[in-house]
Amino acid sequence: MVDAEPIAGIVVRASTAGDVAAITAIYADAVIHGTASFELEPPDETEMARRQQTLLASGYPYLVADAAGVVAGYAYAGPYRARPAYKWTVENSIYVAPQFQRRGIGLLLLRHLIAEAAHRGFRQMIAVIGDSAQIPSIALHAAAGFESVGTLRAVGFKHGRWLDTPLMQIALGKGDAMPP
């Protein structure tokens, strides 16, 4: 498992339905102002609740960073691809509220997510990073032990420009050393 350094006043915990409003607001900011997500319109709370419940019901980890009752960020793992052979591989997502960015919360969330996904028996985690210019996200994943495995060039168009998708990967638990 990956050690997660504590940050004063921040508790990483499983997300609940009560977190959806804050998660929706954090994600809306990322969709509207950034390139971490290739969605063009932010989903509403009903859709975000549906997404959260689908992941939780399917056994995937969904975490929040709680700062004295305020959701500072969230992270989850979901299916990498739908076909059965990909069952042991997950894709991660991490979003931190603008006022909490650059404080180590993203790394804290990612380390907890890696540990939780490994605990659940997943063997590989893939980071599909929206945009080569997402240097902080690339650095965050590298700090958690991810390695670059390639870049898909100009696969998304948002904010008037073509965006690349860097791909990073980390083995979880026993990785590919033995069958699941």
N, C-alpha and C. Protein backbone atom coordinates (compact mmCIF):
# COMPACT_ATOMS: atom_id res chain seq x y z
N MET A 1 0.83 -1.19 0.00
CA MET A 1 0.00 0.00 0.00
C MET A 1 0.87 1.25 0.00
N VAL A 2 0.32 2.34 -0.48
CA VAL A 2 1.02 3.61 -0.56
C VAL A 2 0.72 4.40 0.72
N ASP A 3 1.76 4.88 1.38
CA ASP A 3 1.55 5.70 2.58
C ASP A 3 0.94 7.03 2.19
N ALA A 4 0.03 7.52 3.00
CA ALA A 4 -0.62 8.81 2.76
C ALA A 4 -0.26 9.73 3.91
N GLU A 5 0.57 10.72 3.63
CA GLU A 5 0.96 11.69 4.66
C GLU A 5 -0.27 12.49 5.08
N PRO A 6 -0.49 12.65 6.37
CA PRO A 6 -1.63 13.44 6.82
C PRO A 6 -1.42 14.93 6.56
N ILE A 7 -2.50 15.63 6.37
CA ILE A 7 -2.48 17.09 6.24
C ILE A 7 -3.37 17.62 7.35
N ALA A 8 -2.87 18.54 8.13
CA ALA A 8 -3.62 19.06 9.28
C ALA A 8 -5.02 19.50 8.86
N GLY A 9 -6.01 19.00 9.57
CA GLY A 9 -7.39 19.41 9.34
C GLY A 9 -8.08 18.71 8.19
N ILE A 10 -7.40 17.82 7.48
CA ILE A 10 -8.00 17.14 6.34
C ILE A 10 -8.17 15.66 6.67
N VAL A 11 -9.38 15.16 6.49
CA VAL A 11 -9.68 13.75 6.69
C VAL A 11 -10.15 13.19 5.36
N VAL A 12 -9.54 12.11 4.91
CA VAL A 12 -10.02 11.43 3.70
C VAL A 12 -10.96 10.33 4.16
N ARG A 13 -12.14 10.33 3.58
CA ARG A 13 -13.17 9.37 3.96
C ARG A 13 -13.97 8.96 2.72
N ALA A 14 -14.76 7.91 2.88
CA ALA A 14 -15.65 7.48 1.80
C ALA A 14 -16.69 8.57 1.55
N SER A 15 -16.99 8.80 0.30
CA SER A 15 -18.01 9.80 -0.02
C SER A 15 -19.39 9.25 0.28
N THR A 16 -20.31 10.16 0.49
CA THR A 16 -21.71 9.81 0.75
C THR A 16 -22.60 10.64 -0.16
N ALA A 17 -23.87 10.31 -0.16
CA ALA A 17 -24.83 11.09 -0.94
C ALA A 17 -24.84 12.55 -0.50
N GLY A 18 -24.55 12.80 0.77
CA GLY A 18 -24.52 14.16 1.28
C GLY A 18 -23.40 15.02 0.71
N ASP A 19 -22.43 14.40 0.05
CA ASP A 19 -21.31 15.13 -0.54
C ASP A 19 -21.57 15.57 -1.98
N VAL A 20 -22.66 15.11 -2.57
CA VAL A 20 -22.88 15.31 -4.01
C VAL A 20 -22.94 16.78 -4.40
N ALA A 21 -23.57 17.63 -3.61
CA ALA A 21 -23.67 19.05 -3.98
C ALA A 21 -22.27 19.66 -4.09
N ALA A 22 -21.42 19.39 -3.13
CA ALA A 22 -20.05 19.93 -3.17
C ALA A 22 -19.25 19.32 -4.32
N ILE A 23 -19.39 18.03 -4.53
CA ILE A 23 -18.71 17.35 -5.64
C ILE A 23 -19.15 17.96 -6.97
N THR A 24 -20.44 18.21 -7.10
CA THR A 24 -20.98 18.80 -8.34
C THR A 24 -20.38 20.18 -8.57
N ALA A 25 -20.27 20.99 -7.53
CA ALA A 25 -19.70 22.34 -7.67
C ALA A 25 -18.22 22.28 -8.05
N ILE A 26 -17.47 21.39 -7.42
CA ILE A 26 -16.04 21.25 -7.73
C ILE A 26 -15.88 20.83 -9.19
N TYR A 27 -16.66 19.85 -9.60
CA TYR A 27 -16.54 19.35 -10.97
C TYR A 27 -16.99 20.40 -11.98
N ALA A 28 -18.04 21.13 -11.67
CA ALA A 28 -18.53 22.18 -12.58
C ALA A 28 -17.43 23.21 -12.85
N ASP A 29 -16.71 23.59 -11.81
CA ASP A 29 -15.61 24.55 -12.00
C ASP A 29 -14.55 23.97 -12.94
N ALA A 30 -14.22 22.69 -12.76
CA ALA A 30 -13.21 22.05 -13.60
C ALA A 30 -13.68 21.95 -15.05
N VAL A 31 -14.95 21.64 -15.26
CA VAL A 31 -15.49 21.53 -16.62
C VAL A 31 -15.51 22.89 -17.30
N ILE A 32 -15.98 23.90 -16.60
CA ILE A 32 -16.14 25.24 -17.19
C ILE A 32 -14.80 25.92 -17.44
N HIS A 33 -13.89 25.82 -16.49
CA HIS A 33 -12.65 26.60 -16.55
C HIS A 33 -11.40 25.83 -16.95
N GLY A 34 -11.47 24.52 -16.95
CA GLY A 34 -10.25 23.76 -17.16
C GLY A 34 -10.33 22.75 -18.28
N THR A 35 -9.29 21.94 -18.36
CA THR A 35 -9.21 20.90 -19.37
C THR A 35 -8.98 19.52 -18.76
N ALA A 36 -9.10 19.41 -17.45
CA ALA A 36 -8.95 18.11 -16.80
C ALA A 36 -10.04 17.15 -17.25
N SER A 37 -11.22 17.69 -17.53
CA SER A 37 -12.33 16.90 -18.06
C SER A 37 -12.62 17.37 -19.47
N PHE A 38 -12.94 16.43 -20.33
CA PHE A 38 -13.30 16.79 -21.69
C PHE A 38 -14.80 17.00 -21.84
N GLU A 39 -15.55 16.98 -20.74
CA GLU A 39 -16.96 17.36 -20.82
C GLU A 39 -17.02 18.85 -21.13
N LEU A 40 -18.04 19.25 -21.87
CA LEU A 40 -18.18 20.66 -22.24
C LEU A 40 -19.21 21.39 -21.38
N GLU A 41 -20.17 20.65 -20.85
CA GLU A 41 -21.21 21.22 -19.99
C GLU A 41 -21.19 20.45 -18.67
N PRO A 42 -21.18 21.15 -17.55
CA PRO A 42 -21.16 20.43 -16.27
C PRO A 42 -22.49 19.72 -15.99
N PRO A 43 -22.43 18.49 -15.54
CA PRO A 43 -23.66 17.77 -15.19
C PRO A 43 -24.28 18.35 -13.92
N ASP A 44 -25.58 18.15 -13.77
CA ASP A 44 -26.27 18.63 -12.57
C ASP A 44 -26.11 17.63 -11.42
N GLU A 45 -26.64 17.98 -10.26
CA GLU A 45 -26.50 17.13 -9.07
C GLU A 45 -27.13 15.76 -9.26
N THR A 46 -28.25 15.70 -9.95
CA THR A 46 -28.91 14.42 -10.18
C THR A 46 -27.99 13.48 -10.96
N GLU A 47 -27.36 13.99 -12.00
CA GLU A 47 -26.45 13.17 -12.79
C GLU A 47 -25.20 12.80 -12.00
N MET A 48 -24.67 13.73 -11.23
CA MET A 48 -23.49 13.43 -10.42
C MET A 48 -23.81 12.38 -9.35
N ALA A 49 -25.00 12.46 -8.77
CA ALA A 49 -25.43 11.46 -7.79
C ALA A 49 -25.56 10.09 -8.46
N ARG A 50 -26.10 10.06 -9.66
CA ARG A 50 -26.24 8.81 -10.40
C ARG A 50 -24.87 8.20 -10.66
N ARG A 51 -23.92 9.02 -11.09
CA ARG A 51 -22.56 8.54 -11.36
C ARG A 51 -21.91 7.99 -10.08
N GLN A 52 -22.05 8.74 -8.99
CA GLN A 52 -21.47 8.31 -7.72
C GLN A 52 -22.06 6.96 -7.30
N GLN A 53 -23.38 6.85 -7.33
CA GLN A 53 -24.03 5.61 -6.89
C GLN A 53 -23.69 4.42 -7.78
N THR A 54 -23.54 4.67 -9.08
CA THR A 54 -23.17 3.60 -10.00
C THR A 54 -21.80 3.04 -9.64
N LEU A 55 -20.85 3.92 -9.38
CA LEU A 55 -19.51 3.47 -9.00
C LEU A 55 -19.51 2.75 -7.66
N LEU A 56 -20.17 3.32 -6.67
CA LEU A 56 -20.20 2.71 -5.35
C LEU A 56 -20.89 1.34 -5.40
N ALA A 57 -22.00 1.25 -6.12
CA ALA A 57 -22.73 -0.02 -6.22
C ALA A 57 -21.92 -1.09 -6.94
N SER A 58 -20.98 -0.66 -7.78
CA SER A 58 -20.14 -1.60 -8.52
C SER A 58 -18.85 -1.95 -7.79
N GLY A 59 -18.68 -1.42 -6.57
CA GLY A 59 -17.52 -1.79 -5.76
C GLY A 59 -16.28 -0.95 -5.96
N TYR A 60 -16.42 0.22 -6.59
CA TYR A 60 -15.27 1.09 -6.81
C TYR A 60 -15.14 2.08 -5.66
N PRO A 61 -13.91 2.48 -5.32
CA PRO A 61 -13.73 3.47 -4.25
C PRO A 61 -14.06 4.88 -4.73
N TYR A 62 -14.69 5.65 -3.87
CA TYR A 62 -15.07 7.04 -4.13
C TYR A 62 -14.83 7.79 -2.84
N LEU A 63 -13.84 8.67 -2.81
CA LEU A 63 -13.38 9.32 -1.59
C LEU A 63 -13.54 10.83 -1.65
N VAL A 64 -13.61 11.45 -0.48
CA VAL A 64 -13.57 12.90 -0.39
C VAL A 64 -12.53 13.31 0.63
N ALA A 65 -11.97 14.49 0.43
CA ALA A 65 -11.10 15.13 1.41
C ALA A 65 -11.98 16.11 2.16
N ASP A 66 -12.16 15.87 3.44
CA ASP A 66 -13.05 16.65 4.27
C ASP A 66 -12.22 17.61 5.12
N ALA A 67 -12.46 18.91 4.96
CA ALA A 67 -11.78 19.95 5.73
C ALA A 67 -12.78 20.55 6.71
N ALA A 68 -12.89 19.96 7.87
CA ALA A 68 -13.82 20.44 8.91
C ALA A 68 -15.24 20.57 8.38
N GLY A 69 -15.70 19.54 7.68
CA GLY A 69 -17.07 19.52 7.17
C GLY A 69 -17.24 20.09 5.78
N VAL A 70 -16.17 20.59 5.17
CA VAL A 70 -16.22 21.12 3.82
C VAL A 70 -15.50 20.15 2.90
N VAL A 71 -16.14 19.78 1.79
CA VAL A 71 -15.49 18.89 0.84
C VAL A 71 -14.47 19.70 0.05
N ALA A 72 -13.18 19.41 0.30
CA ALA A 72 -12.08 20.14 -0.34
C ALA A 72 -11.71 19.53 -1.68
N GLY A 73 -12.06 18.28 -1.87
CA GLY A 73 -11.76 17.59 -3.12
C GLY A 73 -12.33 16.19 -3.08
N TYR A 74 -12.25 15.51 -4.20
CA TYR A 74 -12.73 14.14 -4.25
C TYR A 74 -11.94 13.36 -5.28
N ALA A 75 -11.98 12.05 -5.13
CA ALA A 75 -11.27 11.16 -6.04
C ALA A 75 -12.04 9.85 -6.11
N TYR A 76 -12.02 9.24 -7.27
CA TYR A 76 -12.65 7.94 -7.40
C TYR A 76 -11.93 7.12 -8.46
N ALA A 77 -12.15 5.82 -8.39
CA ALA A 77 -11.69 4.91 -9.42
C ALA A 77 -12.93 4.31 -10.06
N GLY A 78 -12.84 4.12 -11.36
CA GLY A 78 -13.93 3.51 -12.10
C GLY A 78 -13.38 2.58 -13.14
N PRO A 79 -14.25 1.95 -13.88
CA PRO A 79 -13.76 1.00 -14.89
C PRO A 79 -12.91 1.70 -15.95
N TYR A 80 -11.82 1.05 -16.32
CA TYR A 80 -10.97 1.58 -17.39
C TYR A 80 -11.64 1.35 -18.74
N ARG A 81 -12.13 0.16 -18.96
CA ARG A 81 -12.88 -0.20 -20.16
C ARG A 81 -13.95 -1.21 -19.74
N ALA A 82 -14.97 -1.35 -20.57
CA ALA A 82 -16.12 -2.20 -20.22
C ALA A 82 -15.89 -3.69 -20.44
N ARG A 83 -15.00 -4.07 -21.31
CA ARG A 83 -14.83 -5.49 -21.62
C ARG A 83 -14.27 -6.26 -20.43
N PRO A 84 -14.68 -7.54 -20.28
CA PRO A 84 -14.33 -8.31 -19.08
C PRO A 84 -12.84 -8.44 -18.78
N ALA A 85 -11.99 -8.49 -19.77
CA ALA A 85 -10.55 -8.66 -19.52
C ALA A 85 -9.95 -7.45 -18.78
N TYR A 86 -10.64 -6.31 -18.81
CA TYR A 86 -10.16 -5.10 -18.12
C TYR A 86 -10.63 -5.02 -16.67
N LYS A 87 -11.31 -6.04 -16.19
CA LYS A 87 -11.94 -6.02 -14.87
C LYS A 87 -11.00 -5.59 -13.74
N TRP A 88 -9.72 -5.88 -13.84
CA TRP A 88 -8.77 -5.62 -12.76
C TRP A 88 -8.04 -4.30 -12.92
N THR A 89 -8.41 -3.52 -13.94
CA THR A 89 -7.78 -2.23 -14.20
C THR A 89 -8.80 -1.12 -13.99
N VAL A 90 -8.38 -0.08 -13.27
CA VAL A 90 -9.26 1.06 -13.02
C VAL A 90 -8.63 2.34 -13.56
N GLU A 91 -9.49 3.30 -13.83
CA GLU A 91 -9.07 4.65 -14.21
C GLU A 91 -9.40 5.57 -13.04
N ASN A 92 -8.49 6.46 -12.71
CA ASN A 92 -8.72 7.35 -11.58
C ASN A 92 -9.13 8.75 -12.03
N SER A 93 -9.82 9.44 -11.15
CA SER A 93 -10.18 10.85 -11.33
C SER A 93 -9.99 11.56 -10.00
N ILE A 94 -9.43 12.76 -10.06
CA ILE A 94 -9.19 13.56 -8.86
C ILE A 94 -9.52 15.01 -9.18
N TYR A 95 -10.30 15.63 -8.33
CA TYR A 95 -10.64 17.05 -8.48
C TYR A 95 -10.56 17.72 -7.11
N VAL A 96 -9.92 18.87 -7.06
CA VAL A 96 -9.78 19.63 -5.81
C VAL A 96 -10.40 21.01 -6.03
N ALA A 97 -11.18 21.46 -5.06
CA ALA A 97 -11.81 22.78 -5.14
C ALA A 97 -10.73 23.85 -5.30
N PRO A 98 -10.99 24.87 -6.12
CA PRO A 98 -9.96 25.89 -6.39
C PRO A 98 -9.32 26.49 -5.13
N GLN A 99 -10.10 26.76 -4.11
CA GLN A 99 -9.56 27.39 -2.90
C GLN A 99 -8.69 26.44 -2.07
N PHE A 100 -8.68 25.14 -2.41
CA PHE A 100 -7.88 24.16 -1.68
C PHE A 100 -6.72 23.61 -2.51
N GLN A 101 -6.56 24.10 -3.73
CA GLN A 101 -5.51 23.57 -4.60
C GLN A 101 -4.13 24.00 -4.11
N ARG A 102 -3.12 23.20 -4.50
CA ARG A 102 -1.71 23.44 -4.19
C ARG A 102 -1.39 23.36 -2.70
N ARG A 103 -2.13 22.49 -2.00
CA ARG A 103 -1.90 22.26 -0.57
C ARG A 103 -1.57 20.80 -0.27
N GLY A 104 -1.46 19.98 -1.31
CA GLY A 104 -1.16 18.57 -1.11
C GLY A 104 -2.38 17.69 -0.99
N ILE A 105 -3.56 18.27 -1.13
CA ILE A 105 -4.79 17.49 -0.98
C ILE A 105 -4.96 16.50 -2.12
N GLY A 106 -4.60 16.88 -3.33
CA GLY A 106 -4.70 15.96 -4.47
C GLY A 106 -3.85 14.73 -4.26
N LEU A 107 -2.61 14.92 -3.79
CA LEU A 107 -1.71 13.79 -3.54
C LEU A 107 -2.24 12.93 -2.40
N LEU A 108 -2.74 13.56 -1.37
CA LEU A 108 -3.33 12.82 -0.25
C LEU A 108 -4.49 11.95 -0.75
N LEU A 109 -5.38 12.54 -1.53
CA LEU A 109 -6.50 11.78 -2.09
C LEU A 109 -6.01 10.63 -2.98
N LEU A 110 -5.05 10.92 -3.84
CA LEU A 110 -4.56 9.90 -4.77
C LEU A 110 -3.92 8.74 -4.01
N ARG A 111 -3.12 9.04 -3.01
CA ARG A 111 -2.49 7.96 -2.24
C ARG A 111 -3.53 7.09 -1.54
N HIS A 112 -4.55 7.72 -0.99
CA HIS A 112 -5.63 6.94 -0.36
C HIS A 112 -6.38 6.12 -1.42
N LEU A 113 -6.60 6.70 -2.57
CA LEU A 113 -7.32 6.00 -3.64
C LEU A 113 -6.52 4.79 -4.12
N ILE A 114 -5.22 4.95 -4.29
CA ILE A 114 -4.36 3.83 -4.70
C ILE A 114 -4.46 2.71 -3.67
N ALA A 115 -4.33 3.05 -2.40
CA ALA A 115 -4.39 2.05 -1.34
C ALA A 115 -5.75 1.36 -1.32
N GLU A 116 -6.81 2.11 -1.46
CA GLU A 116 -8.15 1.53 -1.42
C GLU A 116 -8.42 0.64 -2.62
N ALA A 117 -7.98 1.06 -3.81
CA ALA A 117 -8.16 0.24 -5.01
C ALA A 117 -7.36 -1.06 -4.90
N ALA A 118 -6.15 -0.98 -4.38
CA ALA A 118 -5.33 -2.19 -4.18
C ALA A 118 -6.01 -3.11 -3.17
N HIS A 119 -6.52 -2.55 -2.10
CA HIS A 119 -7.22 -3.33 -1.07
C HIS A 119 -8.43 -4.07 -1.67
N ARG A 120 -9.06 -3.48 -2.66
CA ARG A 120 -10.22 -4.10 -3.30
C ARG A 120 -9.82 -5.10 -4.38
N GLY A 121 -8.53 -5.30 -4.58
CA GLY A 121 -8.07 -6.33 -5.50
C GLY A 121 -7.76 -5.87 -6.91
N PHE A 122 -7.89 -4.59 -7.18
CA PHE A 122 -7.55 -4.10 -8.52
C PHE A 122 -6.04 -4.17 -8.69
N ARG A 123 -5.56 -4.35 -9.93
CA ARG A 123 -4.14 -4.58 -10.18
C ARG A 123 -3.43 -3.47 -10.93
N GLN A 124 -4.14 -2.65 -11.67
CA GLN A 124 -3.52 -1.54 -12.40
C GLN A 124 -4.43 -0.32 -12.28
N MET A 125 -3.81 0.86 -12.20
CA MET A 125 -4.57 2.11 -12.23
C MET A 125 -4.01 2.97 -13.35
N ILE A 126 -4.92 3.48 -14.16
CA ILE A 126 -4.57 4.32 -15.30
C ILE A 126 -5.03 5.74 -15.03
N ALA A 127 -4.16 6.69 -15.29
CA ALA A 127 -4.52 8.11 -15.25
C ALA A 127 -4.62 8.58 -16.70
N VAL A 128 -5.80 9.01 -17.08
CA VAL A 128 -6.04 9.57 -18.41
C VAL A 128 -6.16 11.07 -18.18
N ILE A 129 -5.05 11.78 -18.39
CA ILE A 129 -4.96 13.19 -18.01
C ILE A 129 -5.40 14.07 -19.17
N GLY A 130 -6.36 14.92 -18.90
CA GLY A 130 -6.89 15.81 -19.93
C GLY A 130 -5.93 16.96 -20.19
N ASP A 131 -5.15 16.88 -21.25
CA ASP A 131 -4.32 17.97 -21.73
C ASP A 131 -2.87 17.86 -21.24
N SER A 132 -1.95 17.90 -22.17
CA SER A 132 -0.51 17.88 -21.87
C SER A 132 -0.09 19.07 -21.03
N ALA A 133 -0.87 20.16 -21.06
CA ALA A 133 -0.55 21.34 -20.28
C ALA A 133 -0.93 21.18 -18.80
N GLN A 134 -1.52 20.07 -18.44
CA GLN A 134 -1.89 19.81 -17.05
C GLN A 134 -0.65 19.35 -16.27
N ILE A 135 0.36 20.19 -16.25
CA ILE A 135 1.63 19.86 -15.61
C ILE A 135 1.43 19.50 -14.13
N PRO A 136 0.59 20.23 -13.37
CA PRO A 136 0.39 19.84 -11.97
C PRO A 136 -0.20 18.43 -11.83
N SER A 137 -1.10 18.06 -12.69
CA SER A 137 -1.69 16.71 -12.62
C SER A 137 -0.66 15.65 -12.97
N ILE A 138 0.14 15.92 -13.97
CA ILE A 138 1.20 14.97 -14.36
C ILE A 138 2.19 14.82 -13.20
N ALA A 139 2.58 15.93 -12.59
CA ALA A 139 3.52 15.89 -11.46
C ALA A 139 2.89 15.18 -10.25
N LEU A 140 1.62 15.42 -10.01
CA LEU A 140 0.90 14.75 -8.92
C LEU A 140 0.96 13.24 -9.09
N HIS A 141 0.64 12.76 -10.28
CA HIS A 141 0.64 11.33 -10.53
C HIS A 141 2.06 10.76 -10.43
N ALA A 142 3.04 11.48 -10.95
CA ALA A 142 4.43 11.02 -10.84
C ALA A 142 4.85 10.91 -9.38
N ALA A 143 4.44 11.88 -8.56
CA ALA A 143 4.79 11.87 -7.13
C ALA A 143 4.19 10.66 -6.42
N ALA A 144 3.06 10.16 -6.94
CA ALA A 144 2.41 8.98 -6.34
C ALA A 144 2.94 7.67 -6.92
N GLY A 145 3.89 7.75 -7.86
CA GLY A 145 4.50 6.55 -8.40
C GLY A 145 4.04 6.14 -9.79
N PHE A 146 3.18 6.92 -10.40
CA PHE A 146 2.74 6.61 -11.77
C PHE A 146 3.89 6.86 -12.75
N GLU A 147 3.89 6.10 -13.82
CA GLU A 147 4.86 6.30 -14.90
C GLU A 147 4.13 6.65 -16.18
N SER A 148 4.73 7.50 -16.97
CA SER A 148 4.16 7.87 -18.27
C SER A 148 4.21 6.66 -19.19
N VAL A 149 3.09 6.38 -19.86
CA VAL A 149 3.05 5.25 -20.81
C VAL A 149 2.67 5.71 -22.21
N GLY A 150 2.53 7.03 -22.40
CA GLY A 150 2.26 7.53 -23.73
C GLY A 150 1.36 8.74 -23.72
N THR A 151 1.16 9.29 -24.90
CA THR A 151 0.30 10.46 -25.07
C THR A 151 -0.52 10.29 -26.34
N LEU A 152 -1.81 10.46 -26.22
CA LEU A 152 -2.69 10.49 -27.38
C LEU A 152 -2.75 11.93 -27.85
N ARG A 153 -2.35 12.20 -29.06
CA ARG A 153 -2.22 13.57 -29.56
C ARG A 153 -3.54 14.09 -30.13
N ALA A 154 -3.90 15.29 -29.73
CA ALA A 154 -5.02 16.05 -30.29
C ALA A 154 -6.30 15.24 -30.39
N VAL A 155 -6.69 14.59 -29.28
CA VAL A 155 -7.89 13.75 -29.29
C VAL A 155 -9.13 14.45 -28.75
N GLY A 156 -8.97 15.64 -28.19
CA GLY A 156 -10.11 16.40 -27.69
C GLY A 156 -10.02 17.84 -28.15
N PHE A 157 -11.17 18.47 -28.31
CA PHE A 157 -11.22 19.88 -28.70
C PHE A 157 -12.07 20.62 -27.69
N LYS A 158 -11.45 21.55 -26.95
CA LYS A 158 -12.15 22.29 -25.90
C LYS A 158 -11.49 23.65 -25.74
N HIS A 159 -12.27 24.65 -25.41
CA HIS A 159 -11.77 26.01 -25.22
C HIS A 159 -11.02 26.50 -26.46
N GLY A 160 -11.49 26.08 -27.63
CA GLY A 160 -10.93 26.57 -28.88
C GLY A 160 -9.60 25.97 -29.29
N ARG A 161 -9.20 24.87 -28.68
CA ARG A 161 -7.94 24.26 -29.08
C ARG A 161 -7.97 22.75 -28.94
N TRP A 162 -7.07 22.09 -29.67
CA TRP A 162 -6.92 20.65 -29.60
C TRP A 162 -6.14 20.29 -28.36
N LEU A 163 -6.56 19.21 -27.70
CA LEU A 163 -5.94 18.77 -26.46
C LEU A 163 -5.41 17.35 -26.59
N ASP A 164 -4.23 17.15 -26.03
CA ASP A 164 -3.65 15.81 -25.93
C ASP A 164 -4.20 15.12 -24.69
N THR A 165 -3.94 13.83 -24.60
CA THR A 165 -4.28 13.07 -23.41
C THR A 165 -3.06 12.24 -22.99
N PRO A 166 -2.30 12.74 -22.03
CA PRO A 166 -1.21 11.93 -21.48
C PRO A 166 -1.78 10.74 -20.69
N LEU A 167 -1.13 9.60 -20.80
CA LEU A 167 -1.53 8.39 -20.09
C LEU A 167 -0.43 8.02 -19.11
N MET A 168 -0.82 7.72 -17.87
CA MET A 168 0.13 7.29 -16.85
C MET A 168 -0.44 6.05 -16.18
N GLN A 169 0.43 5.24 -15.58
CA GLN A 169 -0.02 3.97 -15.02
C GLN A 169 0.80 3.61 -13.79
N ILE A 170 0.12 2.94 -12.84
CA ILE A 170 0.79 2.39 -11.66
C ILE A 170 0.22 1.00 -11.40
N ALA A 171 1.11 0.08 -11.03
CA ALA A 171 0.66 -1.25 -10.62
C ALA A 171 0.12 -1.17 -9.21
N LEU A 172 -0.93 -1.93 -8.94
CA LEU A 172 -1.55 -1.98 -7.62
C LEU A 172 -1.32 -3.37 -7.02
N GLY A 173 -1.05 -3.43 -5.74
CA GLY A 173 -0.87 -4.72 -5.09
C GLY A 173 0.19 -5.54 -5.79
N LYS A 174 -0.17 -6.73 -6.22
CA LYS A 174 0.77 -7.62 -6.90
C LYS A 174 0.87 -7.35 -8.38
N GLY A 175 0.15 -6.33 -8.86
CA GLY A 175 0.23 -5.95 -10.27
C GLY A 175 0.05 -7.15 -11.17
N ASP A 176 0.96 -7.30 -12.13
CA ASP A 176 0.85 -8.41 -13.08
C ASP A 176 1.76 -9.58 -12.70
N ALA A 177 2.25 -9.62 -11.44
CA ALA A 177 3.15 -10.69 -11.01
C ALA A 177 2.48 -12.06 -10.95
N MET A 178 1.16 -12.05 -10.86
CA MET A 178 0.41 -13.30 -10.83
C MET A 178 -1.03 -13.04 -11.23
N PRO A 179 -1.77 -14.06 -11.62
CA PRO A 179 -3.17 -13.85 -12.00
C PRO A 179 -3.98 -13.32 -10.82
N PRO A 180 -5.10 -12.68 -11.12
CA PRO A 180 -5.95 -12.15 -10.03
C PRO A 180 -6.55 -13.25 -9.17
